[in-house]
Amino acid sequence: MTDRMALARDFLRGTDWAGADTAPLAGDASNRRYLRVSRGMETAVLMDAPPERGEDVRPFIAVGQRLLAAGLSPPRILAQDTDHGFLLLEDLGDDLFARIIPQKPKIEPDLYRAATDVLVHLHRQPLPEELATYDAGMMADKAALAFEWYAGAAQCSAAHEAVLTALSAHADDSVLIQRDYHAENLLWLPGRDGVARVGLLDFQDAMRGHPAYDLVSLLQDARRDVPPAIAADMLAYYIAQTGQEQDRFTAAYHVLGAQRNLRIIGVFARLCLRDGKAHYIDLIPRVWGHLMHDLDHPALADVAPFIIDGLPAPSDAFLRDLKNRCATSPLL
């Protein structure tokens, strides 16, 4: 038994779930892992977030409380050990959007409408003052990960400045952004009402940011193809529901989309080259397609040449080379 497993058993012994059975659930790109805890017909989820590997459960607790108070559906916390990085969470089930849409494709528009309604609702709530701001400078630095890790080149200062200028023109920190709001972090809970029908996961990195950011995360999904008609409808729906000025919000949507897709390309390359997680390379072509679509918007006319000239297109040969250079000892 590993030290973490022994600590987890000790944690559970101090709860009502002592002696319960555990089984692994899917992990994510972080150092966290999840276990389903069972006793008879009841289940819960154990989050194991090792502090020695840079994880901290306190932001998850704080943001989750905010979301719960807003009438949304993050998992309720049943027990916690913040010193050792353990949380026992309400089990919201297995019906991730990404899992049930292939089984029930006719409900796909309804699920995306429900997820957009969550953003409309959340963006009307008071903004937590304690959250840091995802500002233009930080976003431009994260976009530069594409040059560093994907292209394997020194940061292009001209590209960085162009991205920074575009982001600064659409600076806004008026809402809570979850920053990883997509179909693999959303659960369908049809037994609940209204916006509570969407279960929320992986929101611990929430910050203050632009209202378009999570909408981009939802509709320009790195892991699945969102039908273009649904994406267009939800963008228009959000604008109509919130009274945003259409042209300005649409421009911001594409500027933030370009930033986010650059960051993701860099992060996926880093997950391979540094951490040995080669499967993330397979997702890059989809993200590249989103990036090229965003760069077509006039708001990015000054940015597009630097990106197109500075980053290699994800050809089969280029991606194969990235995979060949993946770390040989994955950090699990």
Protein backbone atom coordinates (compact mmCIF):
# COMPACT_ATOMS: atom_id res chain seq x y z
CA MET A 1 0.00 0.00 0.00
CA THR A 2 1.39 3.41 -0.97
CA ASP A 3 1.74 6.20 1.57
CA ARG A 4 -1.09 8.11 -0.11
CA MET A 5 -3.38 5.08 0.02
CA ALA A 6 -2.60 4.61 3.71
CA LEU A 7 -3.38 8.27 4.36
CA ALA A 8 -6.62 7.91 2.40
CA ARG A 9 -7.65 4.93 4.51
CA ASP A 10 -6.89 6.92 7.66
CA PHE A 11 -8.97 9.81 6.35
CA LEU A 12 -11.95 7.58 5.58
CA ARG A 13 -11.70 5.94 9.02
CA GLY A 14 -12.45 9.36 10.52
CA THR A 15 -15.68 9.66 8.52
CA ASP A 16 -18.96 7.76 8.24
CA TRP A 17 -17.37 5.85 5.35
CA ALA A 18 -14.85 3.83 7.39
CA GLY A 19 -14.28 0.44 5.81
CA ALA A 20 -16.03 1.37 2.56
CA ASP A 21 -14.88 -0.14 -0.71
CA THR A 22 -12.92 2.05 -3.14
CA ALA A 23 -12.46 1.87 -6.91
CA PRO A 24 -10.53 4.22 -9.20
CA LEU A 25 -12.26 6.83 -11.33
CA ALA A 26 -10.73 8.60 -14.30
CA GLY A 27 -8.08 11.16 -13.47
CA ASP A 28 -7.26 14.37 -15.30
CA ALA A 29 -4.26 16.34 -16.47
CA SER A 30 -3.34 17.37 -12.93
CA ASN A 31 -1.76 15.40 -10.09
CA ARG A 32 -5.16 14.72 -8.56
CA ARG A 33 -6.83 11.32 -8.65
CA TYR A 34 -10.34 10.22 -7.78
CA LEU A 35 -11.78 7.10 -6.18
CA ARG A 36 -15.41 6.04 -5.92
CA VAL A 37 -16.22 5.02 -2.37
CA SER A 38 -19.08 2.53 -1.86
CA ARG A 39 -21.06 1.23 1.09
CA GLY A 40 -24.04 -0.82 0.07
CA MET A 41 -26.05 1.24 -2.43
CA GLU A 42 -24.50 4.55 -1.35
CA THR A 43 -21.49 6.08 -3.07
CA ALA A 44 -19.25 9.10 -2.66
CA VAL A 45 -16.09 10.32 -4.38
CA LEU A 46 -12.70 10.67 -2.75
CA MET A 47 -10.46 13.39 -4.18
CA ASP A 48 -6.77 12.72 -3.54
CA ALA A 49 -4.80 15.92 -4.18
CA PRO A 50 -1.21 15.52 -2.88
CA PRO A 51 0.10 18.80 -1.43
CA GLU A 52 3.67 17.63 -2.05
CA ARG A 53 2.88 17.65 -5.78
CA GLY A 54 1.55 21.17 -5.77
CA GLU A 55 -2.13 20.41 -5.19
CA ASP A 56 -4.33 22.38 -2.79
CA VAL A 57 -7.95 21.48 -2.05
CA ARG A 58 -8.81 24.80 -0.39
CA PRO A 59 -9.64 26.65 -3.65
CA PHE A 60 -11.97 23.79 -4.61
CA ILE A 61 -13.74 24.16 -1.27
CA ALA A 62 -14.03 27.95 -1.51
CA VAL A 63 -15.25 28.07 -5.12
CA GLY A 64 -17.58 25.13 -4.59
CA GLN A 65 -19.24 26.95 -1.70
CA ARG A 66 -19.76 29.98 -3.96
CA LEU A 67 -21.31 27.89 -6.71
CA LEU A 68 -23.55 26.04 -4.26
CA ALA A 69 -24.74 29.31 -2.74
CA ALA A 70 -25.66 30.47 -6.25
CA GLY A 71 -28.02 27.52 -6.64
CA LEU A 72 -25.68 25.51 -8.89
CA SER A 73 -24.57 21.89 -8.55
CA PRO A 74 -20.96 21.41 -7.57
CA PRO A 75 -20.44 18.27 -5.49
CA ARG A 76 -21.18 18.89 -1.82
CA ILE A 77 -18.27 18.28 0.52
CA LEU A 78 -18.96 15.48 3.01
CA ALA A 79 -15.60 15.50 4.80
CA GLN A 80 -12.23 17.19 4.35
CA ASP A 81 -8.59 16.99 5.35
CA THR A 82 -6.95 20.05 3.85
CA ASP A 83 -3.53 19.34 5.38
CA HIS A 84 -3.18 16.02 3.58
CA GLY A 85 -5.20 16.94 0.48
CA PHE A 86 -8.29 14.75 0.80
CA LEU A 87 -11.93 15.59 0.16
CA LEU A 88 -14.91 13.27 0.35
CA LEU A 89 -17.46 14.55 -2.15
CA GLU A 90 -21.05 13.97 -3.13
CA ASP A 91 -21.15 11.52 -6.04
CA LEU A 92 -22.89 13.27 -8.94
CA GLY A 93 -22.81 10.11 -11.05
CA ASP A 94 -21.27 9.20 -14.38
CA ASP A 95 -23.44 11.07 -16.89
CA LEU A 96 -20.82 13.42 -18.24
CA PHE A 97 -22.03 15.40 -21.23
CA ALA A 98 -19.22 13.86 -23.28
CA ARG A 99 -20.42 10.38 -22.36
CA ILE A 100 -24.17 10.67 -22.80
CA ILE A 101 -24.28 12.77 -25.99
CA PRO A 102 -23.05 9.86 -28.16
CA GLN A 103 -25.72 7.67 -26.53
CA LYS A 104 -28.52 10.23 -26.85
CA PRO A 105 -27.51 12.62 -29.65
CA LYS A 106 -30.97 14.19 -29.82
CA ILE A 107 -30.49 15.85 -26.42
CA GLU A 108 -27.19 17.51 -27.40
CA PRO A 109 -28.76 20.95 -28.11
CA ASP A 110 -30.65 20.81 -24.81
CA LEU A 111 -27.48 20.01 -22.87
CA TYR A 112 -25.57 22.90 -24.41
CA ARG A 113 -28.52 25.22 -23.76
CA ALA A 114 -28.54 24.11 -20.12
CA ALA A 115 -24.79 24.65 -19.81
CA THR A 116 -25.13 28.12 -21.34
CA ASP A 117 -27.97 28.90 -18.93
CA VAL A 118 -25.58 28.07 -16.08
CA LEU A 119 -23.18 30.72 -17.36
CA VAL A 120 -25.96 33.29 -17.78
CA HIS A 121 -27.07 32.60 -14.20
CA LEU A 122 -23.57 32.56 -12.72
CA HIS A 123 -22.59 35.80 -14.44
CA ARG A 124 -25.49 37.56 -12.70
CA GLN A 125 -24.17 36.64 -9.25
CA PRO A 126 -22.04 38.91 -7.05
CA LEU A 127 -18.37 38.53 -7.90
CA PRO A 128 -16.14 37.11 -5.12
CA GLU A 129 -13.62 39.84 -4.35
CA GLU A 130 -10.97 37.40 -3.16
CA LEU A 131 -10.47 35.87 -6.61
CA ALA A 132 -7.40 36.88 -8.59
CA THR A 133 -7.89 38.40 -12.04
CA TYR A 134 -7.04 36.53 -15.22
CA ASP A 135 -5.66 39.66 -16.79
CA ALA A 136 -4.26 40.37 -20.25
CA GLY A 137 -0.65 40.01 -19.14
CA MET A 138 -1.16 36.61 -17.56
CA MET A 139 -3.20 35.41 -20.53
CA ALA A 140 -0.57 36.54 -23.03
CA ASP A 141 2.12 34.72 -21.04
CA LYS A 142 0.07 31.52 -21.09
CA ALA A 143 -0.57 31.86 -24.83
CA ALA A 144 3.22 31.94 -25.26
CA LEU A 145 3.37 28.31 -24.07
CA ALA A 146 2.56 27.34 -27.66
CA PHE A 147 5.85 28.83 -28.83
CA GLU A 148 7.86 27.39 -25.95
CA TRP A 149 6.55 23.82 -25.84
CA TYR A 150 4.79 23.13 -29.12
CA ALA A 151 7.11 24.99 -31.48
CA GLY A 152 10.15 24.48 -29.25
CA ALA A 153 11.25 28.04 -29.92
CA ALA A 154 12.11 31.07 -27.85
CA GLN A 155 9.15 33.27 -27.10
CA CYS A 156 8.37 35.56 -30.00
CA SER A 157 8.26 39.02 -28.44
CA ALA A 158 6.37 40.52 -31.39
CA ALA A 159 3.72 37.79 -31.20
CA HIS A 160 3.47 38.22 -27.43
CA GLU A 161 2.98 41.97 -27.83
CA ALA A 162 0.32 41.50 -30.53
CA VAL A 163 -1.59 38.99 -28.40
CA LEU A 164 -1.29 41.26 -25.35
CA THR A 165 -2.63 44.23 -27.32
CA ALA A 166 -5.62 42.26 -28.59
CA LEU A 167 -6.41 40.95 -25.11
CA SER A 168 -6.02 44.38 -23.52
CA ALA A 169 -8.60 45.76 -25.93
CA HIS A 170 -11.13 43.35 -24.44
CA ALA A 171 -10.09 43.46 -20.79
CA ASP A 172 -12.92 42.50 -18.45
CA ASP A 173 -12.87 40.89 -15.01
CA SER A 174 -16.56 41.19 -14.20
CA VAL A 175 -17.48 37.52 -13.64
CA LEU A 176 -16.24 34.32 -12.06
CA ILE A 177 -14.71 32.10 -14.73
CA GLN A 178 -14.24 28.40 -14.01
CA ARG A 179 -11.61 28.12 -16.79
CA ASP A 180 -12.20 24.46 -17.65
CA TYR A 181 -15.88 24.49 -18.51
CA HIS A 182 -16.46 21.76 -21.09
CA ALA A 183 -18.29 18.51 -21.77
CA GLU A 184 -15.95 16.30 -19.73
CA ASN A 185 -16.44 18.46 -16.64
CA LEU A 186 -20.23 18.77 -16.87
CA LEU A 187 -22.70 16.17 -15.63
CA TRP A 188 -26.35 15.85 -16.57
CA LEU A 189 -28.61 15.69 -13.51
CA PRO A 190 -32.15 15.58 -15.00
CA GLY A 191 -33.71 14.92 -11.60
CA ARG A 192 -32.87 18.46 -10.51
CA ASP A 193 -34.45 21.71 -11.64
CA GLY A 194 -33.27 24.61 -13.78
CA VAL A 195 -29.58 25.46 -13.70
CA ALA A 196 -29.04 22.84 -10.97
CA ARG A 197 -29.45 20.15 -13.66
CA VAL A 198 -25.81 20.67 -14.69
CA GLY A 199 -23.26 19.17 -12.32
CA LEU A 200 -19.98 21.08 -12.16
CA LEU A 201 -16.48 19.65 -11.81
CA ASP A 202 -12.90 20.93 -11.95
CA PHE A 203 -13.55 24.55 -11.01
CA GLN A 204 -10.78 25.01 -8.44
CA ASP A 205 -8.76 27.30 -10.72
CA ALA A 206 -11.57 29.87 -10.94
CA MET A 207 -10.59 33.52 -11.34
CA ARG A 208 -12.17 36.84 -12.23
CA GLY A 209 -12.40 37.21 -15.98
CA HIS A 210 -14.33 37.99 -19.13
CA PRO A 211 -17.89 36.64 -19.55
CA ALA A 212 -16.91 35.11 -22.91
CA TYR A 213 -14.13 32.94 -21.47
CA ASP A 214 -16.15 29.97 -20.20
CA LEU A 215 -18.43 30.16 -23.21
CA VAL A 216 -15.36 29.68 -25.42
CA SER A 217 -14.28 26.78 -23.20
CA LEU A 218 -17.69 25.16 -23.68
CA LEU A 219 -18.13 25.72 -27.41
CA GLN A 220 -14.51 25.40 -28.62
CA ASP A 221 -13.98 22.10 -26.84
CA ALA A 222 -10.51 20.58 -27.11
CA ARG A 223 -11.84 17.05 -26.62
CA ARG A 224 -14.97 16.79 -28.75
CA ASP A 225 -16.48 18.39 -31.83
CA VAL A 226 -19.32 20.74 -30.95
CA PRO A 227 -21.58 21.06 -34.01
CA PRO A 228 -21.04 24.52 -35.54
CA ALA A 229 -24.78 25.22 -35.54
CA ILE A 230 -24.97 24.58 -31.79
CA ALA A 231 -21.92 26.76 -31.15
CA ALA A 232 -23.37 29.62 -33.19
CA ASP A 233 -26.78 29.27 -31.55
CA MET A 234 -25.33 29.29 -28.03
CA LEU A 235 -23.15 32.32 -28.73
CA ALA A 236 -26.22 34.19 -30.00
CA TYR A 237 -28.33 32.89 -27.12
CA TYR A 238 -25.84 34.05 -24.48
CA ILE A 239 -25.65 37.50 -26.08
CA ALA A 240 -29.45 37.78 -26.18
CA GLN A 241 -29.87 36.61 -22.59
CA THR A 242 -27.25 38.96 -21.16
CA GLY A 243 -27.75 42.05 -23.31
CA GLN A 244 -24.16 42.10 -24.54
CA GLU A 245 -23.29 44.27 -27.52
CA GLN A 246 -23.08 41.67 -30.27
CA ASP A 247 -20.09 42.82 -32.31
CA ARG A 248 -17.89 43.63 -29.34
CA PHE A 249 -18.76 40.42 -27.50
CA THR A 250 -18.20 38.30 -30.61
CA ALA A 251 -14.80 39.92 -31.13
CA ALA A 252 -13.88 39.22 -27.50
CA TYR A 253 -15.09 35.63 -27.90
CA HIS A 254 -12.64 35.04 -30.75
CA VAL A 255 -9.75 36.92 -29.11
CA LEU A 256 -10.17 34.88 -25.94
CA GLY A 257 -10.63 31.76 -28.05
CA ALA A 258 -7.28 32.34 -29.76
CA GLN A 259 -5.58 32.89 -26.41
CA ARG A 260 -7.12 29.80 -24.89
CA ASN A 261 -6.33 27.60 -27.87
CA LEU A 262 -2.72 28.77 -27.94
CA ARG A 263 -2.42 27.97 -24.25
CA ILE A 264 -3.98 24.53 -24.70
CA ILE A 265 -1.67 23.64 -27.59
CA GLY A 266 1.29 24.58 -25.41
CA VAL A 267 -0.04 22.70 -22.40
CA PHE A 268 -0.80 19.56 -24.40
CA ALA A 269 2.71 19.59 -25.85
CA ARG A 270 4.14 20.07 -22.34
CA LEU A 271 2.08 17.19 -20.97
CA CYS A 272 3.76 14.99 -23.56
CA LEU A 273 7.32 16.33 -23.54
CA ARG A 274 7.63 16.87 -19.79
CA ASP A 275 5.16 14.42 -18.27
CA GLY A 276 5.06 11.57 -20.76
CA LYS A 277 1.31 11.88 -21.47
CA ALA A 278 1.50 11.32 -25.21
CA HIS A 279 -2.25 10.96 -25.82
CA TYR A 280 -2.74 14.71 -25.47
CA ILE A 281 -0.93 15.17 -28.79
CA ASP A 282 -3.87 13.52 -30.54
CA LEU A 283 -6.11 16.41 -29.45
CA ILE A 284 -3.97 19.16 -30.95
CA PRO A 285 -5.41 19.12 -34.50
CA ARG A 286 -8.88 19.93 -33.19
CA VAL A 287 -7.52 22.80 -31.08
CA TRP A 288 -5.53 24.05 -34.08
CA GLY A 289 -8.75 24.14 -36.09
CA HIS A 290 -10.39 26.28 -33.39
CA LEU A 291 -7.36 28.57 -33.41
CA MET A 292 -7.45 29.06 -37.18
CA HIS A 293 -11.18 29.83 -36.99
CA ASP A 294 -10.56 32.47 -34.31
CA LEU A 295 -7.68 34.03 -36.24
CA ASP A 296 -10.05 34.68 -39.14
CA HIS A 297 -11.86 37.31 -37.08
CA PRO A 298 -10.89 40.93 -37.87
CA ALA A 299 -10.09 41.57 -34.21
CA LEU A 300 -7.07 39.30 -34.65
CA ALA A 301 -5.81 40.70 -37.95
CA ASP A 302 -2.61 41.97 -36.28
CA VAL A 303 -2.07 38.69 -34.42
CA ALA A 304 -2.72 36.10 -37.13
CA PRO A 305 0.51 36.57 -39.16
CA PHE A 306 2.71 36.01 -36.09
CA ILE A 307 0.87 32.82 -35.17
CA ILE A 308 0.69 31.38 -38.67
CA ASP A 309 4.35 32.17 -39.38
CA GLY A 310 5.62 31.22 -35.92
CA LEU A 311 3.87 27.93 -35.24
CA PRO A 312 4.13 24.80 -37.40
CA ALA A 313 0.84 23.31 -38.54
CA PRO A 314 0.10 19.97 -36.83
CA SER A 315 0.97 17.68 -39.71
CA ASP A 316 1.16 13.95 -39.10
CA ALA A 317 4.95 14.11 -39.29
CA PHE A 318 5.22 17.00 -36.83
CA LEU A 319 2.91 15.36 -34.31
CA ARG A 320 4.71 12.04 -34.67
CA ASP A 321 7.97 13.81 -33.87
CA LEU A 322 6.41 15.37 -30.75
CA LYS A 323 5.27 11.95 -29.57
CA ASN A 324 8.72 10.49 -30.24
CA ARG A 325 10.17 13.12 -27.92
CA CYS A 326 7.72 12.47 -25.07
CA ALA A 327 9.18 11.91 -21.64
CA THR A 328 9.87 8.22 -21.17
CA SER A 329 8.98 8.18 -17.48
CA PRO A 330 5.46 9.54 -17.10
CA LEU A 331 4.70 11.45 -13.92
CA LEU A 332 1.70 9.52 -12.64
